[in-house]
Amino acid sequence: MTFDSFEEFYPYYISQHSRRGTRMVHFFGTLAGAGIAVNAVVRGPRRSLLLAPVVGYGAAWLSHFLIEKNKPASWGYTLYSFQGDWKMLSDIARGRDAQLQQLADEYKASHDIA
């Protein structure tokens, strides 16, 4: 699959996070990774900055393997996926998880994805 824009990619990205558990693990993993990064920059040691992507992506990838049973979108669409993760996190934080579920279900139905 190819995408010409992030707006075109985002419904696909959400379809790859169709289970609430996957979205929640992403949410908390991203926040934990961001917290580690901020702490490393502000308080140090700076080398702990290396833990941020391990925690953030590690949690996310585990959720794909154990909950969603699919391959992480970041493996094929790295930059769009990074942007998608932050948009999804923002949507969840603003109480829009039900809309994300609807978007995932509609995308999967219209593209014949199980």
N, C-alpha and C. Protein backbone atom coordinates (compact mmCIF):
# COMPACT_ATOMS: atom_id res chain seq x y z
N MET A 1 0.82 -1.18 0.00
CA MET A 1 0.00 0.00 0.00
C MET A 1 0.87 1.25 0.00
N THR A 2 0.42 2.24 -0.71
CA THR A 2 1.11 3.52 -0.69
C THR A 2 0.11 4.61 -0.33
N PHE A 3 0.63 5.65 0.30
CA PHE A 3 -0.20 6.77 0.74
C PHE A 3 0.45 8.06 0.28
N ASP A 4 -0.37 8.98 -0.21
CA ASP A 4 0.13 10.25 -0.72
C ASP A 4 0.17 11.34 0.34
N SER A 5 -0.46 11.08 1.48
CA SER A 5 -0.48 12.09 2.54
C SER A 5 -0.75 11.41 3.88
N PHE A 6 -0.47 12.14 4.94
CA PHE A 6 -0.77 11.62 6.27
C PHE A 6 -2.27 11.46 6.45
N GLU A 7 -3.06 12.38 5.92
CA GLU A 7 -4.51 12.31 6.04
C GLU A 7 -5.05 11.04 5.41
N GLU A 8 -4.43 10.60 4.33
CA GLU A 8 -4.82 9.35 3.67
C GLU A 8 -4.35 8.15 4.50
N PHE A 9 -3.21 8.28 5.15
CA PHE A 9 -2.62 7.19 5.93
C PHE A 9 -3.34 6.94 7.26
N TYR A 10 -3.80 8.01 7.90
CA TYR A 10 -4.29 7.90 9.28
C TYR A 10 -5.43 6.88 9.45
N PRO A 11 -6.44 6.84 8.59
CA PRO A 11 -7.47 5.80 8.77
C PRO A 11 -6.88 4.38 8.71
N TYR A 12 -5.92 4.16 7.82
CA TYR A 12 -5.24 2.86 7.78
C TYR A 12 -4.52 2.61 9.10
N TYR A 13 -3.80 3.61 9.59
CA TYR A 13 -3.07 3.48 10.84
C TYR A 13 -4.01 3.09 11.98
N ILE A 14 -5.14 3.75 12.06
CA ILE A 14 -6.11 3.44 13.11
C ILE A 14 -6.68 2.04 12.92
N SER A 15 -6.86 1.62 11.69
CA SER A 15 -7.36 0.25 11.45
C SER A 15 -6.38 -0.80 11.97
N GLN A 16 -5.11 -0.44 12.04
CA GLN A 16 -4.10 -1.35 12.57
C GLN A 16 -4.03 -1.30 14.09
N HIS A 17 -4.87 -0.47 14.67
CA HIS A 17 -5.01 -0.32 16.13
C HIS A 17 -6.50 -0.45 16.47
N SER A 18 -7.13 -1.49 15.94
CA SER A 18 -8.58 -1.63 16.05
C SER A 18 -9.05 -2.14 17.40
N ARG A 19 -8.14 -2.63 18.20
CA ARG A 19 -8.52 -3.11 19.54
C ARG A 19 -8.15 -2.04 20.57
N ARG A 20 -9.07 -1.80 21.46
CA ARG A 20 -8.85 -0.75 22.47
C ARG A 20 -7.59 -1.00 23.28
N GLY A 21 -7.31 -2.25 23.59
CA GLY A 21 -6.11 -2.57 24.36
C GLY A 21 -4.84 -2.13 23.66
N THR A 22 -4.81 -2.31 22.35
CA THR A 22 -3.64 -1.87 21.58
C THR A 22 -3.48 -0.36 21.68
N ARG A 23 -4.58 0.36 21.54
CA ARG A 23 -4.51 1.82 21.62
C ARG A 23 -4.07 2.27 23.01
N MET A 24 -4.56 1.61 24.05
CA MET A 24 -4.20 2.00 25.41
C MET A 24 -2.73 1.71 25.72
N VAL A 25 -2.22 0.57 25.25
CA VAL A 25 -0.79 0.28 25.45
C VAL A 25 0.05 1.31 24.71
N HIS A 26 -0.36 1.67 23.49
CA HIS A 26 0.34 2.73 22.76
C HIS A 26 0.31 4.04 23.54
N PHE A 27 -0.85 4.38 24.05
CA PHE A 27 -1.03 5.63 24.78
C PHE A 27 -0.05 5.70 25.95
N PHE A 28 -0.08 4.69 26.80
CA PHE A 28 0.78 4.72 27.99
C PHE A 28 2.25 4.49 27.66
N GLY A 29 2.54 3.68 26.65
CA GLY A 29 3.93 3.49 26.22
C GLY A 29 4.54 4.76 25.66
N THR A 30 3.76 5.48 24.86
CA THR A 30 4.23 6.74 24.29
C THR A 30 4.46 7.77 25.39
N LEU A 31 3.51 7.85 26.33
CA LEU A 31 3.69 8.78 27.44
C LEU A 31 4.91 8.43 28.29
N ALA A 32 5.11 7.16 28.54
CA ALA A 32 6.28 6.73 29.33
C ALA A 32 7.57 7.06 28.59
N GLY A 33 7.60 6.77 27.29
CA GLY A 33 8.80 7.10 26.50
C GLY A 33 9.07 8.59 26.47
N ALA A 34 8.02 9.38 26.32
CA ALA A 34 8.18 10.84 26.32
C ALA A 34 8.65 11.33 27.69
N GLY A 35 8.12 10.74 28.75
CA GLY A 35 8.54 11.12 30.10
C GLY A 35 10.01 10.81 30.34
N ILE A 36 10.45 9.67 29.87
CA ILE A 36 11.87 9.30 30.00
C ILE A 36 12.73 10.29 29.22
N ALA A 37 12.28 10.65 28.01
CA ALA A 37 13.05 11.59 27.19
C ALA A 37 13.15 12.96 27.85
N VAL A 38 12.05 13.46 28.35
CA VAL A 38 12.07 14.77 29.01
C VAL A 38 12.95 14.73 30.25
N ASN A 39 12.81 13.69 31.04
CA ASN A 39 13.63 13.55 32.24
C ASN A 39 15.11 13.48 31.90
N ALA A 40 15.45 12.78 30.85
CA ALA A 40 16.85 12.64 30.45
C ALA A 40 17.44 13.99 30.03
N VAL A 41 16.64 14.79 29.34
CA VAL A 41 17.12 16.10 28.89
C VAL A 41 17.21 17.09 30.06
N VAL A 42 16.20 17.08 30.92
CA VAL A 42 16.14 18.05 32.00
C VAL A 42 17.05 17.69 33.17
N ARG A 43 17.00 16.42 33.58
CA ARG A 43 17.72 16.02 34.78
C ARG A 43 18.92 15.12 34.53
N GLY A 44 18.92 14.44 33.40
CA GLY A 44 20.03 13.54 33.09
C GLY A 44 19.84 12.19 33.75
N PRO A 45 20.73 11.29 33.55
CA PRO A 45 21.82 11.42 32.59
C PRO A 45 21.30 11.35 31.15
N ARG A 46 21.96 12.06 30.29
CA ARG A 46 21.52 12.16 28.89
C ARG A 46 21.50 10.80 28.19
N ARG A 47 22.35 9.89 28.61
CA ARG A 47 22.37 8.58 27.94
C ARG A 47 21.08 7.80 28.19
N SER A 48 20.32 8.18 29.25
CA SER A 48 19.04 7.50 29.48
C SER A 48 18.02 7.87 28.40
N LEU A 49 18.34 8.87 27.59
CA LEU A 49 17.50 9.22 26.45
C LEU A 49 17.35 8.02 25.50
N LEU A 50 18.33 7.16 25.49
CA LEU A 50 18.28 5.97 24.64
C LEU A 50 17.16 5.02 25.05
N LEU A 51 16.71 5.11 26.28
CA LEU A 51 15.63 4.25 26.75
C LEU A 51 14.26 4.66 26.21
N ALA A 52 14.11 5.93 25.88
CA ALA A 52 12.81 6.44 25.46
C ALA A 52 12.21 5.64 24.29
N PRO A 53 12.91 5.46 23.18
CA PRO A 53 12.29 4.70 22.09
C PRO A 53 12.14 3.22 22.42
N VAL A 54 13.02 2.69 23.25
CA VAL A 54 12.90 1.28 23.65
C VAL A 54 11.59 1.07 24.41
N VAL A 55 11.30 1.96 25.34
CA VAL A 55 10.07 1.85 26.12
C VAL A 55 8.85 2.13 25.24
N GLY A 56 8.88 3.23 24.51
CA GLY A 56 7.73 3.61 23.68
C GLY A 56 7.42 2.60 22.60
N TYR A 57 8.42 2.28 21.79
CA TYR A 57 8.19 1.33 20.70
C TYR A 57 8.08 -0.09 21.20
N GLY A 58 8.81 -0.42 22.26
CA GLY A 58 8.72 -1.77 22.81
C GLY A 58 7.31 -2.10 23.26
N ALA A 59 6.69 -1.19 23.98
CA ALA A 59 5.31 -1.40 24.42
C ALA A 59 4.37 -1.49 23.22
N ALA A 60 4.55 -0.58 22.28
CA ALA A 60 3.68 -0.56 21.10
C ALA A 60 3.81 -1.86 20.30
N TRP A 61 5.02 -2.28 20.05
CA TRP A 61 5.21 -3.49 19.25
C TRP A 61 4.66 -4.72 19.96
N LEU A 62 4.87 -4.80 21.27
CA LEU A 62 4.30 -5.92 22.02
C LEU A 62 2.78 -5.95 21.89
N SER A 63 2.15 -4.78 21.92
CA SER A 63 0.69 -4.75 21.80
C SER A 63 0.24 -5.25 20.43
N HIS A 64 1.03 -4.99 19.41
CA HIS A 64 0.67 -5.51 18.08
C HIS A 64 0.78 -7.02 18.04
N PHE A 65 1.83 -7.56 18.60
CA PHE A 65 2.02 -9.01 18.57
C PHE A 65 1.05 -9.74 19.48
N LEU A 66 0.81 -9.21 20.68
CA LEU A 66 0.03 -9.93 21.68
C LEU A 66 -1.46 -9.60 21.68
N ILE A 67 -1.82 -8.39 21.30
CA ILE A 67 -3.24 -7.99 21.35
C ILE A 67 -3.83 -7.92 19.95
N GLU A 68 -3.20 -7.15 19.09
CA GLU A 68 -3.76 -6.89 17.76
C GLU A 68 -3.50 -8.03 16.79
N LYS A 69 -2.41 -8.75 17.02
CA LYS A 69 -2.00 -9.88 16.15
C LYS A 69 -1.71 -9.42 14.72
N ASN A 70 -0.97 -8.30 14.63
CA ASN A 70 -0.56 -7.81 13.32
C ASN A 70 0.85 -7.23 13.42
N LYS A 71 1.35 -6.81 12.29
CA LYS A 71 2.69 -6.22 12.22
C LYS A 71 2.58 -4.72 12.46
N PRO A 72 3.46 -4.14 13.27
CA PRO A 72 3.40 -2.69 13.51
C PRO A 72 3.51 -1.89 12.20
N ALA A 73 2.67 -0.89 12.07
CA ALA A 73 2.69 -0.03 10.87
C ALA A 73 4.01 0.71 10.74
N SER A 74 4.70 0.92 11.86
CA SER A 74 5.97 1.66 11.83
C SER A 74 7.03 0.93 11.03
N TRP A 75 6.87 -0.36 10.81
CA TRP A 75 7.86 -1.10 10.04
C TRP A 75 7.83 -0.74 8.57
N GLY A 76 6.71 -0.27 8.07
CA GLY A 76 6.63 0.09 6.67
C GLY A 76 6.43 1.57 6.42
N TYR A 77 5.96 2.27 7.44
CA TYR A 77 5.61 3.69 7.30
C TYR A 77 6.11 4.44 8.52
N THR A 78 7.40 4.52 8.67
CA THR A 78 8.02 5.01 9.91
C THR A 78 7.58 6.42 10.28
N LEU A 79 7.73 7.37 9.40
CA LEU A 79 7.41 8.76 9.74
C LEU A 79 5.91 8.99 9.91
N TYR A 80 5.11 8.45 9.00
CA TYR A 80 3.67 8.57 9.15
C TYR A 80 3.19 7.90 10.44
N SER A 81 3.79 6.77 10.79
CA SER A 81 3.40 6.07 12.01
C SER A 81 3.75 6.87 13.25
N PHE A 82 4.90 7.50 13.24
CA PHE A 82 5.29 8.34 14.37
C PHE A 82 4.28 9.47 14.54
N GLN A 83 3.93 10.11 13.43
CA GLN A 83 2.93 11.17 13.45
C GLN A 83 1.57 10.62 13.88
N GLY A 84 1.22 9.44 13.38
CA GLY A 84 -0.05 8.81 13.72
C GLY A 84 -0.15 8.48 15.19
N ASP A 85 0.95 8.04 15.79
CA ASP A 85 0.96 7.71 17.20
C ASP A 85 0.63 8.93 18.04
N TRP A 86 1.21 10.07 17.70
CA TRP A 86 0.95 11.29 18.46
C TRP A 86 -0.47 11.81 18.23
N LYS A 87 -0.97 11.67 17.01
CA LYS A 87 -2.35 12.09 16.75
C LYS A 87 -3.31 11.17 17.49
N MET A 88 -3.06 9.87 17.47
CA MET A 88 -3.91 8.93 18.19
C MET A 88 -3.87 9.22 19.69
N LEU A 89 -2.69 9.49 20.22
CA LEU A 89 -2.55 9.83 21.63
C LEU A 89 -3.38 11.08 21.95
N SER A 90 -3.30 12.08 21.10
CA SER A 90 -4.07 13.31 21.29
C SER A 90 -5.57 13.03 21.24
N ASP A 91 -6.00 12.22 20.29
CA ASP A 91 -7.42 11.89 20.18
C ASP A 91 -7.90 11.15 21.42
N ILE A 92 -7.12 10.21 21.92
CA ILE A 92 -7.50 9.47 23.13
C ILE A 92 -7.57 10.41 24.32
N ALA A 93 -6.57 11.27 24.46
CA ALA A 93 -6.54 12.21 25.58
C ALA A 93 -7.74 13.15 25.57
N ARG A 94 -8.28 13.42 24.39
CA ARG A 94 -9.45 14.30 24.27
C ARG A 94 -10.77 13.54 24.30
N GLY A 95 -10.70 12.25 24.69
CA GLY A 95 -11.92 11.46 24.84
C GLY A 95 -12.53 10.98 23.55
N ARG A 96 -11.73 10.80 22.52
CA ARG A 96 -12.25 10.42 21.21
C ARG A 96 -11.99 8.95 20.86
N ASP A 97 -11.85 8.11 21.87
CA ASP A 97 -11.56 6.70 21.59
C ASP A 97 -12.71 6.03 20.84
N ALA A 98 -13.94 6.38 21.15
CA ALA A 98 -15.09 5.79 20.44
C ALA A 98 -15.04 6.14 18.95
N GLN A 99 -14.65 7.37 18.62
CA GLN A 99 -14.53 7.76 17.22
C GLN A 99 -13.39 7.00 16.53
N LEU A 100 -12.31 6.76 17.27
CA LEU A 100 -11.21 5.97 16.70
C LEU A 100 -11.68 4.55 16.41
N GLN A 101 -12.46 3.98 17.32
CA GLN A 101 -12.99 2.63 17.10
C GLN A 101 -13.86 2.60 15.86
N GLN A 102 -14.71 3.61 15.70
CA GLN A 102 -15.57 3.68 14.53
C GLN A 102 -14.75 3.82 13.25
N LEU A 103 -13.73 4.66 13.28
CA LEU A 103 -12.86 4.84 12.11
C LEU A 103 -12.17 3.52 11.75
N ALA A 104 -11.67 2.81 12.76
CA ALA A 104 -11.01 1.52 12.51
C ALA A 104 -11.98 0.53 11.90
N ASP A 105 -13.16 0.42 12.48
CA ASP A 105 -14.16 -0.53 11.99
C ASP A 105 -14.58 -0.21 10.56
N GLU A 106 -14.82 1.07 10.28
CA GLU A 106 -15.24 1.47 8.93
C GLU A 106 -14.13 1.22 7.91
N TYR A 107 -12.89 1.54 8.25
CA TYR A 107 -11.78 1.33 7.32
C TYR A 107 -11.62 -0.16 7.03
N LYS A 108 -11.65 -0.97 8.07
CA LYS A 108 -11.48 -2.41 7.89
C LYS A 108 -12.60 -2.99 7.04
N ALA A 109 -13.83 -2.54 7.26
CA ALA A 109 -14.96 -3.05 6.48
C ALA A 109 -14.85 -2.63 5.01
N SER A 110 -14.47 -1.40 4.78
CA SER A 110 -14.40 -0.90 3.39
C SER A 110 -13.20 -1.44 2.62
N HIS A 111 -12.19 -1.95 3.33
CA HIS A 111 -11.00 -2.49 2.66
C HIS A 111 -10.88 -4.00 2.85
N ASP A 112 -11.96 -4.61 3.32
CA ASP A 112 -12.02 -6.07 3.51
C ASP A 112 -10.84 -6.60 4.31
N ILE A 113 -10.59 -5.95 5.46
CA ILE A 113 -9.52 -6.36 6.38
C ILE A 113 -10.18 -7.05 7.57
N ALA A 114 -9.70 -8.22 7.89
CA ALA A 114 -10.29 -8.97 9.02
C ALA A 114 -9.91 -8.38 10.34
